[in-house]
Protein backbone atom coordinates (compact mmCIF):
# COMPACT_ATOMS: atom_id res chain seq x y z
CA MET A 1 111.83 62.91 48.16
CA THR A 2 113.89 66.09 48.45
CA LYS A 3 112.82 69.60 48.07
CA GLU A 4 113.74 71.10 44.88
CA LEU A 5 112.58 73.20 42.36
CA VAL A 6 112.54 71.50 39.03
CA ALA A 7 114.39 72.63 35.72
CA GLU A 8 112.72 71.57 32.49
CA ASN A 9 115.12 68.77 31.92
CA THR A 10 113.70 66.69 34.81
CA ILE A 11 113.71 63.05 33.68
CA VAL A 12 109.52 61.82 34.36
CA GLN A 13 110.57 58.90 36.15
CA ASP A 14 108.32 55.58 34.19
CA ALA A 15 105.18 54.58 37.03
CA LYS A 16 104.69 51.54 38.11
CA LEU A 17 101.16 50.09 40.50
CA PHE A 18 102.01 50.48 44.18
CA ILE A 19 100.18 47.60 46.14
CA ASP A 20 100.77 46.53 49.40
CA GLY A 21 103.69 49.62 49.76
CA LYS A 22 105.45 48.19 47.19
CA TYR A 23 105.82 49.75 43.23
CA VAL A 24 105.38 46.48 41.40
CA ASN A 25 104.82 46.16 38.00
CA ALA A 26 101.62 45.06 35.91
CA LEU A 27 101.38 41.14 36.26
CA SER A 28 100.88 40.65 32.45
CA GLY A 29 104.17 42.90 31.92
CA GLU A 30 102.22 45.15 29.74
CA THR A 31 103.14 49.01 29.27
CA PHE A 32 101.74 52.31 27.93
CA ASP A 33 103.12 55.63 27.24
CA THR A 34 101.76 58.70 28.68
CA ILE A 35 101.71 61.87 26.39
CA ASN A 36 103.07 65.43 27.31
CA PRO A 37 99.33 66.95 26.00
CA ALA A 38 101.99 70.24 24.78
CA THR A 39 104.63 68.66 22.33
CA ASN A 40 103.18 64.96 21.83
CA LYS A 41 106.26 63.10 22.69
CA LYS A 42 106.61 60.54 24.82
CA LEU A 43 106.78 61.63 28.74
CA ALA A 44 106.83 58.15 30.24
CA THR A 45 106.50 54.29 30.19
CA VAL A 46 103.25 53.24 32.91
CA ALA A 47 102.53 50.00 33.88
CA ASN A 48 98.98 48.65 32.03
CA GLY A 49 97.33 46.68 34.75
CA GLY A 50 94.60 44.69 33.82
CA LYS A 51 91.48 42.66 35.97
CA ALA A 52 93.87 40.33 37.93
CA ASP A 53 96.22 43.74 39.43
CA ALA A 54 93.00 45.12 40.09
CA LYS A 55 91.96 42.01 41.88
CA TRP A 56 95.77 41.32 43.68
CA ALA A 57 94.92 45.19 45.01
CA ILE A 58 91.68 44.94 46.38
CA ASP A 59 92.93 41.12 47.89
CA VAL A 60 95.83 42.90 49.98
CA ALA A 61 92.99 46.59 50.68
CA GLN A 62 90.50 43.43 53.05
CA ARG A 63 93.19 41.47 54.06
CA THR A 64 94.81 45.25 55.53
CA PHE A 65 91.38 45.97 56.62
CA VAL A 66 90.14 43.07 58.27
CA SER A 67 93.88 43.26 60.23
CA GLY A 68 92.37 46.30 62.47
CA ILE A 69 96.28 47.66 61.50
CA TRP A 70 94.33 51.46 60.05
CA SER A 71 91.20 51.17 61.05
CA THR A 72 91.28 50.34 64.63
CA MET A 73 94.55 52.84 64.77
CA PRO A 74 93.29 55.39 67.69
CA VAL A 75 92.32 58.44 65.55
CA GLU A 76 95.06 60.73 66.72
CA GLU A 77 97.72 59.00 65.51
CA ARG A 78 96.02 58.51 61.69
CA SER A 79 95.98 62.09 61.49
CA ARG A 80 99.49 62.30 62.74
CA ILE A 81 100.26 60.23 59.18
CA LEU A 82 97.50 61.67 57.49
CA CYS A 83 98.89 65.65 58.40
CA LYS A 84 103.03 64.45 57.28
CA MET A 85 101.63 63.17 54.24
CA ALA A 86 100.20 67.36 54.13
CA ASP A 87 103.64 68.06 54.79
CA LEU A 88 105.46 65.93 51.88
CA ILE A 89 103.05 67.26 49.52
CA MET A 90 104.02 70.80 50.31
CA GLU A 91 107.90 69.74 50.14
CA ASN A 92 107.66 68.47 46.89
CA VAL A 93 105.38 71.01 45.64
CA ASP A 94 107.17 72.30 42.82
CA LYS A 95 108.19 68.66 41.45
CA LEU A 96 104.32 67.79 41.55
CA ALA A 97 103.47 70.85 39.90
CA TYR A 98 105.94 70.21 37.33
CA VAL A 99 104.82 66.43 37.12
CA GLU A 100 101.04 67.54 36.63
CA THR A 101 101.48 70.29 34.08
CA LEU A 102 103.34 67.81 31.94
CA ASP A 103 100.87 65.08 32.38
CA VAL A 104 97.67 67.58 32.10
CA GLY A 105 98.73 70.66 29.97
CA LYS A 106 97.46 72.43 32.13
CA PRO A 107 99.41 76.24 33.25
CA ILE A 108 102.07 75.76 36.09
CA LYS A 109 101.29 78.31 37.53
CA GLU A 110 97.60 76.99 37.93
CA SER A 111 99.59 73.67 39.30
CA ARG A 112 102.21 75.11 41.77
CA GLU A 113 99.94 77.58 43.38
CA PHE A 114 96.44 76.15 43.42
CA ASP A 115 96.28 72.38 42.55
CA ILE A 116 99.02 70.70 44.69
CA PRO A 117 98.28 73.29 47.69
CA ARG A 118 95.23 72.44 47.55
CA ALA A 119 95.70 68.79 47.36
CA ALA A 120 97.80 69.38 50.87
CA SER A 121 95.00 70.92 52.42
CA ASN A 122 92.50 68.05 51.64
CA PHE A 123 94.53 65.75 53.36
CA ARG A 124 95.06 68.27 56.73
CA PHE A 125 91.64 69.61 56.40
CA PHE A 126 90.25 65.52 56.79
CA ALA A 127 92.39 64.41 58.93
CA GLU A 128 91.96 67.15 61.61
CA MET A 129 87.88 67.17 61.23
CA ALA A 130 88.46 63.21 62.16
CA LYS A 131 89.17 63.94 65.43
CA TYR A 132 86.53 66.24 65.88
CA GLN A 133 83.24 64.31 64.79
CA VAL A 134 80.67 64.84 66.65
CA GLN A 135 79.03 61.93 68.65
CA GLU A 136 75.42 61.39 68.78
CA HIS A 137 73.73 60.01 72.63
CA TYR A 138 70.21 59.36 72.93
CA ASP A 139 68.73 58.32 76.82
CA MET A 140 65.89 56.61 77.75
CA SER A 141 64.79 56.12 80.92
CA LYS A 142 65.89 52.20 80.86
CA TYR A 143 68.02 52.35 77.95
CA MET A 144 71.03 55.10 76.61
CA SER A 145 71.69 54.48 72.53
CA TYR A 146 75.00 55.59 70.57
CA VAL A 147 75.55 56.20 66.97
CA GLN A 148 79.25 54.90 65.85
CA TYR A 149 80.21 55.37 62.76
CA ALA A 150 82.69 52.82 61.93
CA PRO A 151 85.18 52.88 58.93
CA ALA A 152 82.82 50.53 55.53
CA GLY A 153 85.62 48.81 54.49
CA VAL A 154 87.44 48.83 50.84
CA THR A 155 87.19 51.60 49.03
CA SER A 156 87.61 52.25 45.28
CA LEU A 157 88.29 55.12 44.00
CA ILE A 158 88.42 56.02 39.55
CA ILE A 159 90.04 59.58 38.88
CA PRO A 160 89.63 61.66 36.05
CA TRP A 161 92.10 62.74 34.51
CA ASN A 162 91.72 67.25 33.92
CA LEU A 163 92.76 67.59 37.76
CA PRO A 164 94.44 64.70 38.65
CA PHE A 165 96.06 65.43 42.21
CA MET A 166 93.73 67.60 43.19
CA GLN A 167 90.60 65.06 43.02
CA LEU A 168 92.52 62.21 43.80
CA THR A 169 93.38 63.19 47.44
CA TRP A 170 89.99 65.22 47.58
CA LYS A 171 88.43 61.78 47.82
CA ALA A 172 91.57 59.46 49.20
CA SER A 173 92.13 62.07 52.16
CA ALA A 174 88.22 61.48 53.56
CA ALA A 175 88.22 57.50 52.64
CA LEU A 176 91.76 57.15 54.75
CA ALA A 177 90.79 59.49 57.86
CA ALA A 178 87.85 57.36 58.46
CA GLY A 179 89.48 54.56 58.94
CA ASN A 180 89.45 52.91 55.07
CA THR A 181 91.56 50.98 52.95
CA VAL A 182 91.64 52.27 49.50
CA VAL A 183 92.64 51.08 45.45
CA VAL A 184 93.14 54.36 43.49
CA LYS A 185 92.59 54.34 39.70
CA PRO A 186 93.65 57.37 37.74
CA ALA A 187 93.09 58.34 34.40
CA SER A 188 95.43 56.77 31.56
CA TYR A 189 95.98 60.91 30.18
CA THR A 190 97.03 61.37 33.30
CA PRO A 191 98.19 58.66 35.91
CA LEU A 192 102.04 60.58 37.17
CA SER A 193 101.17 62.12 40.27
CA ALA A 194 98.41 60.37 41.69
CA VAL A 195 102.05 57.25 41.29
CA MET A 196 103.50 59.60 43.46
CA LEU A 197 101.03 59.44 46.18
CA GLY A 198 102.46 55.98 46.86
CA GLU A 199 106.23 57.43 48.11
CA ILE A 200 104.82 60.09 50.18
CA ALA A 201 102.67 57.95 51.97
CA ASN A 202 105.53 55.60 52.66
CA GLU A 203 107.36 58.41 53.46
CA ALA A 204 104.84 59.43 55.99
CA GLY A 205 104.44 56.09 57.87
CA LEU A 206 100.52 54.72 56.07
CA PRO A 207 100.94 51.31 56.75
CA PRO A 208 101.59 48.88 53.59
CA GLY A 209 98.35 48.41 51.71
CA VAL A 210 96.23 50.85 53.11
CA LEU A 211 96.36 53.00 50.07
CA ASN A 212 97.22 50.91 46.30
CA ILE A 213 97.07 52.91 43.48
CA LEU A 214 96.64 50.85 39.41
CA THR A 215 97.33 52.26 36.29
CA GLY A 216 95.17 51.21 33.05
CA PRO A 217 92.05 50.95 31.51
CA GLY A 218 88.97 50.95 33.01
CA GLY A 219 87.33 48.91 31.03
CA SER A 220 88.95 46.00 32.77
CA VAL A 221 90.93 47.34 36.36
CA GLY A 222 87.60 49.69 36.77
CA THR A 223 85.06 47.29 36.34
CA GLU A 224 86.83 45.44 39.04
CA MET A 225 87.01 47.92 41.70
CA CYS A 226 83.09 48.12 41.25
CA THR A 227 82.06 45.11 40.88
CA HIS A 228 84.82 43.18 43.61
CA SER A 229 82.75 41.90 46.27
CA SER A 230 85.38 43.16 49.03
CA VAL A 231 84.33 46.40 48.27
CA ARG A 232 82.15 48.67 50.68
CA ARG A 233 82.19 52.26 49.11
CA ILE A 234 82.69 53.57 45.21
CA SER A 235 83.68 56.99 44.46
CA PHE A 236 83.84 58.33 41.02
CA VAL A 237 84.35 61.91 39.17
CA GLY A 238 84.13 61.41 35.56
CA GLU A 239 81.68 61.78 32.81
CA SER A 240 77.65 61.08 33.11
CA ASN A 241 77.66 57.79 30.92
CA THR A 242 80.54 56.87 32.38
CA GLY A 243 78.82 57.37 35.94
CA LYS A 244 75.91 55.45 34.61
CA THR A 245 78.20 52.23 34.06
CA VAL A 246 79.85 53.10 37.20
CA MET A 247 76.74 52.43 38.85
CA ARG A 248 75.13 49.77 37.12
CA ASN A 249 78.08 47.96 37.74
CA ALA A 250 78.43 49.00 41.56
CA ALA A 251 74.39 47.86 41.77
CA GLU A 252 75.48 43.90 41.30
CA ASN A 253 77.20 44.03 45.05
CA LEU A 254 74.58 46.94 46.42
CA ILE A 255 77.73 49.37 46.48
CA PRO A 256 77.15 52.79 47.72
CA VAL A 257 78.36 55.03 45.67
CA SER A 258 79.21 58.83 44.72
CA LEU A 259 79.03 59.81 41.40
CA GLU A 260 80.59 63.55 40.38
CA LEU A 261 79.81 64.00 36.83
CA GLY A 262 78.98 66.05 34.39
CA GLY A 263 77.73 69.66 33.80
CA LYS A 264 76.62 72.65 32.09
CA SER A 265 76.86 75.33 34.04
CA ALA A 266 74.85 78.04 33.87
CA ASN A 267 76.73 81.75 34.61
CA ILE A 268 74.10 84.22 34.52
CA VAL A 269 75.36 88.09 34.70
CA PHE A 270 72.29 90.69 35.57
CA ALA A 271 71.94 93.95 34.07
CA ASP A 272 72.35 95.57 37.99
CA ALA A 273 75.86 93.40 38.43
CA ASP A 274 79.69 95.17 38.50
CA LEU A 275 80.33 94.62 34.81
CA ASP A 276 83.85 94.02 35.01
CA GLU A 277 83.75 92.37 37.88
CA ALA A 278 81.24 89.86 36.21
CA VAL A 279 83.96 89.75 32.79
CA ALA A 280 86.57 88.65 34.30
CA GLY A 281 84.35 85.68 36.62
CA SER A 282 83.32 84.77 33.84
CA ILE A 283 86.64 84.04 31.68
CA GLU A 284 87.81 82.58 34.69
CA ALA A 285 84.70 80.25 35.27
CA ILE A 286 85.29 79.07 31.29
CA TYR A 287 88.78 79.08 30.73
CA ARG A 288 90.44 78.26 33.53
CA ASN A 289 92.81 74.84 33.68
CA GLN A 290 91.48 75.45 29.57
CA GLY A 291 87.97 75.04 29.88
CA GLU A 292 88.38 71.48 31.05
CA ILE A 293 86.64 71.79 34.37
CA CYS A 294 83.66 70.50 35.49
CA LEU A 295 82.39 73.24 37.32
CA ALA A 296 82.74 75.51 34.13
CA GLY A 297 80.31 78.21 33.66
CA SER A 298 79.81 77.00 30.50
CA ARG A 299 76.56 78.99 29.61
CA ILE A 300 76.77 82.52 29.80
CA LEU A 301 73.41 83.59 30.21
CA VAL A 302 73.41 88.08 29.91
CA GLN A 303 70.97 90.39 30.40
CA GLN A 304 70.16 92.12 27.15
CA SER A 305 69.89 95.32 28.25
CA ILE A 306 73.65 95.45 29.16
CA TYR A 307 74.31 92.32 26.17
CA ASP A 308 76.03 94.34 23.86
CA GLN A 309 78.45 96.07 25.88
CA PHE A 310 79.01 92.82 28.47
CA LEU A 311 80.01 90.53 25.41
CA ASP A 312 82.21 93.44 23.89
CA LYS A 313 84.12 93.64 27.35
CA PHE A 314 84.58 89.45 27.20
CA VAL A 315 85.55 89.52 24.06
CA ALA A 316 88.10 92.19 24.46
CA THR A 317 89.62 90.39 27.72
CA VAL A 318 89.60 86.55 25.69
CA LYS A 319 92.10 88.13 23.26
CA LYS A 320 94.31 89.08 26.18
CA ILE A 321 94.47 84.97 27.12
CA LYS A 322 97.84 84.02 26.78
CA VAL A 323 97.96 80.53 25.23
CA GLY A 324 101.42 79.11 24.98
CA ASP A 325 103.93 76.44 26.92
CA PRO A 326 102.09 75.39 29.80
CA LEU A 327 105.66 75.58 32.04
CA ASP A 328 106.10 79.30 30.79
CA GLU A 329 105.20 81.54 33.83
CA ALA A 330 103.21 83.72 31.56
CA THR A 331 100.55 80.98 30.05
CA ASP A 332 96.93 81.68 30.81
CA MET A 333 96.17 78.47 28.91
CA GLY A 334 98.13 75.87 28.11
CA ALA A 335 97.64 72.84 26.06
CA LEU A 336 93.71 70.15 26.00
CA VAL A 337 94.88 66.83 27.01
CA SER A 338 95.09 64.60 23.83
CA ARG A 339 94.79 65.28 20.52
CA GLY A 340 91.50 63.13 19.89
CA HIS A 341 90.07 65.71 22.55
CA MET A 342 90.83 68.97 20.79
CA LYS A 343 89.11 67.55 17.79
CA THR A 344 85.87 67.29 19.99
CA VAL A 345 86.28 70.34 20.83
CA ASP A 346 86.71 72.05 17.14
CA ASP A 347 83.69 69.16 16.45
CA TYR A 348 81.12 70.66 18.56
CA VAL A 349 82.29 74.84 17.93
CA GLN A 350 81.75 73.62 14.26
CA ILE A 351 78.53 72.49 15.44
CA GLY A 352 77.55 75.56 17.08
CA LEU A 353 78.23 77.59 13.97
CA ALA A 354 76.53 75.20 12.04
CA GLU A 355 73.54 75.43 14.45
CA GLY A 356 73.64 79.17 13.82
CA ALA A 357 76.07 80.87 17.00
CA LYS A 358 78.31 82.89 15.84
CA LEU A 359 81.86 83.54 16.12
CA ALA A 360 83.32 86.14 17.93
CA HIS A 361 86.77 84.46 18.92
CA GLY A 362 88.92 81.54 18.74
CA GLY A 363 87.26 78.57 16.99
CA LYS A 364 90.47 77.02 15.85
CA ALA A 365 93.79 75.45 16.67
CA VAL A 366 96.41 77.82 17.53
CA GLU A 367 98.97 78.68 14.38
CA GLY A 368 102.70 78.06 14.95
CA MET A 369 102.33 75.76 17.78
CA GLU A 370 100.58 72.58 16.02
CA ALA A 371 102.77 70.03 17.41
CA GLY A 372 100.82 70.40 20.93
CA ASN A 373 96.84 70.12 22.05
CA PHE A 374 96.76 74.14 21.72
CA TYR A 375 92.58 75.25 20.81
CA GLU A 376 92.46 79.30 21.09
CA PRO A 377 90.04 81.09 23.93
CA THR A 378 86.98 80.55 21.89
CA VAL A 379 83.75 82.97 22.65
CA LEU A 380 80.65 81.45 20.57
CA TYR A 381 77.66 83.96 20.84
CA ASP A 382 73.92 84.89 20.49
CA VAL A 383 73.18 80.87 20.99
CA ASP A 384 70.15 79.43 21.73
CA ASN A 385 69.56 77.46 24.90
CA LYS A 386 68.38 74.56 22.84
CA MET A 387 71.56 74.19 20.34
CA ARG A 388 73.46 71.15 21.12
CA VAL A 389 76.32 73.42 22.38
CA ALA A 390 74.40 74.55 24.90
CA GLN A 391 73.03 71.89 25.85
CA GLU A 392 75.67 69.11 26.07
CA GLU A 393 79.02 69.64 27.54
CA ILE A 394 82.12 70.36 25.49
CA PHE A 395 84.76 70.77 28.49
CA GLY A 396 86.98 72.72 26.98
CA PRO A 397 87.81 76.82 26.44
CA VAL A 398 83.96 77.42 24.58
CA PRO A 399 81.77 79.62 26.24
CA VAL A 400 78.06 79.91 25.03
CA ILE A 401 76.68 83.12 25.53
CA ILE A 402 73.11 83.44 25.66
CA PRO A 403 70.80 86.82 26.15
CA PHE A 404 67.89 86.71 28.04
CA LYS A 405 65.27 89.69 29.47
CA THR A 406 64.09 88.95 32.85
CA GLU A 407 65.05 87.23 35.91
CA GLU A 408 62.04 84.75 35.18
CA ASP A 409 63.58 84.16 32.02
CA ALA A 410 67.39 83.44 33.43
CA ILE A 411 65.85 80.97 35.57
CA ARG A 412 64.01 78.85 33.27
CA ILE A 413 66.96 79.30 30.92
CA ALA A 414 69.26 77.66 33.68
CA ASN A 415 66.95 75.16 34.39
CA ASP A 416 66.44 74.14 30.65
CA SER A 417 69.08 71.05 31.17
CA ILE A 418 69.56 67.86 31.98
CA TYR A 419 73.21 68.63 34.48
CA GLY A 420 72.56 70.16 37.63
CA LEU A 421 75.69 70.76 39.27
CA ALA A 422 76.89 74.61 39.54
CA GLY A 423 75.83 77.98 38.89
CA VAL A 424 77.14 81.65 38.97
CA VAL A 425 74.92 84.53 39.78
CA TRP A 426 76.29 88.49 39.13
CA THR A 427 74.03 91.31 40.43
CA ASN A 428 74.42 94.04 43.37
CA ASP A 429 71.20 92.99 44.55
CA LEU A 430 71.94 90.53 46.53
CA ARG A 431 68.50 89.44 47.87
CA ARG A 432 67.90 88.92 43.81
CA GLY A 433 71.10 86.23 44.12
CA GLN A 434 69.50 84.84 47.03
CA ARG A 435 66.39 84.12 45.16
CA VAL A 436 67.61 82.92 41.83
CA THR A 437 70.29 80.51 43.58
CA SER A 438 67.03 79.26 45.53
CA LEU A 439 65.14 78.47 42.44
CA ILE A 440 68.07 76.80 40.04
CA HIS A 441 68.52 73.39 39.71
CA ALA A 442 72.04 72.77 41.21
CA GLY A 443 74.55 71.53 43.80
CA LEU A 444 77.15 74.37 43.90
CA LEU A 445 75.81 78.39 43.40
CA TRP A 446 77.85 80.96 43.73
CA VAL A 447 77.32 84.61 44.22
CA ASN A 448 79.44 87.79 42.56
CA CYS A 449 82.24 84.47 42.84
CA TRP A 450 82.70 81.63 41.38
CA TYR A 451 85.09 77.99 42.56
CA VAL A 452 85.11 79.43 46.27
CA ARG A 453 85.48 76.24 48.15
CA ASP A 454 84.96 76.04 52.17
CA LEU A 455 85.47 72.08 52.50
CA ARG A 456 83.38 72.01 55.13
CA THR A 457 80.32 72.04 52.69
CA PRO A 458 79.05 69.45 50.71
CA PHE A 459 80.60 69.72 47.20
CA GLY A 460 77.92 66.97 44.55
CA GLY A 461 75.73 67.63 41.82
CA ALA A 462 71.44 66.83 40.48
CA LYS A 463 70.19 64.93 37.48
CA ALA A 464 72.77 64.15 35.73
CA SER A 465 75.43 65.68 37.35
CA GLY A 466 75.70 62.84 40.05
CA ILE A 467 74.94 61.53 43.04
CA GLY A 468 75.85 61.90 46.74
CA ARG A 469 77.71 64.78 48.54
CA GLU A 470 80.84 65.01 49.75
CA GLY A 471 82.86 67.71 52.01
CA GLY A 472 83.05 68.40 55.93
CA ARG A 473 80.59 65.89 57.74
CA HIS A 474 79.00 64.16 53.99
CA SER A 475 82.04 63.00 53.44
CA PHE A 476 82.33 61.16 56.68
CA ASP A 477 78.38 59.54 55.76
CA PHE A 478 79.90 58.46 53.18
CA TYR A 479 83.18 56.38 53.72
CA THR A 480 81.88 55.29 57.34
CA GLU A 481 79.10 52.77 58.50
CA ALA A 482 76.26 54.09 60.98
CA LYS A 483 75.56 51.69 63.89
CA THR A 484 73.67 52.34 66.58
CA ILE A 485 74.34 50.74 70.19
CA THR A 486 71.56 50.49 72.69
CA ILE A 487 72.45 49.30 76.53
CA LYS A 488 70.63 48.98 78.88
CA LYS A 489 70.82 50.46 82.23
């Protein structure tokens, strides 16, 4: 691929499976269509892989792993190839961002300025970190022990539809840097950017069979990826109930799993917070990517003494959000991923109103844009934390605003959830920020900011939000097998 600014009339290519370094049709010959969420028109024809294709890809990955062409390659050479993939991603940032926006429905400025550059950073970070892993060495009087972190083997990666390219590269770059071979299944809603990674891998010199990409349904492809006896690691990102199914399937062959699941994160605004900063940050935390993000600050807890003031400023800012064509540079919020998902979001709004929540803005599809899945940025307020809209993940542009009185009250409400993925605290008292975050049961906490990621730090959730941690050394811990070797002196 060559770097180019992609025009709006660019034809999106049909997508095939990527197995053993080649693009191939599904063995059945079957296909399905991927749909542009902004128009509900066909984008591309995609190979509809099945169980046989998944078995084929896993067998190729296993054979390639055993060959040692990648798993025993000097880490400096592996790193060079992965850094080349990072370079190629950035050389094709416009093309990748364009396809990502068409497939997902998100604003082009988010795809081009955040998602795709972050994908390149993922590859570069893990490629470099692989070269500088800490070596463990222990001496006894007559013996010496050291720890070797060996590649685990064939790794299954199952990727969600909301941030497909960024999530794919977050997982694949770490697994590949550790020396594993990889089989990826992107979500059927959004497979196009993932499939493009195969071309980048070939151009960078990744050996055939190291990276394999399967498009198709979770019920057949995904199940095989979680039960095949050659698979040694599974990393899944998605909805919590599906994560339970992945874990049950993995248990058949005792395959270690990493699960990044749902969230209903508390975004807590104390009276001493910088109100303008808290409003702007809270807006970003719920309406970015149309609210289709697991880390969304979807429960906004506001201290009673500033509740009305916060609500007025929040709603006034929401009214300025531009919903429109995802390819328009001025668009702040694009289309929801599917017509069915938009109905689910709207159903939750109606449930909330029936439960007694009040509607400050939105609550319906955007008028005049009925061809696509455009939903107004919505605000539900005077919500009780026991309501379904406060307990269940809506995964759309619908925050629920909940009043609280005291710090203890805020912590109690924040922890009253089956989820434990993330949380935000807005306060000018940093001691309070540290105190409150230490008492919230979640894997990622921010104070006076949101979604700031240092790739060296662990990422993952508690309770129904997941199992395990990835990021920095935690990724290498998961994607490797620790071997203790003891030698008599």
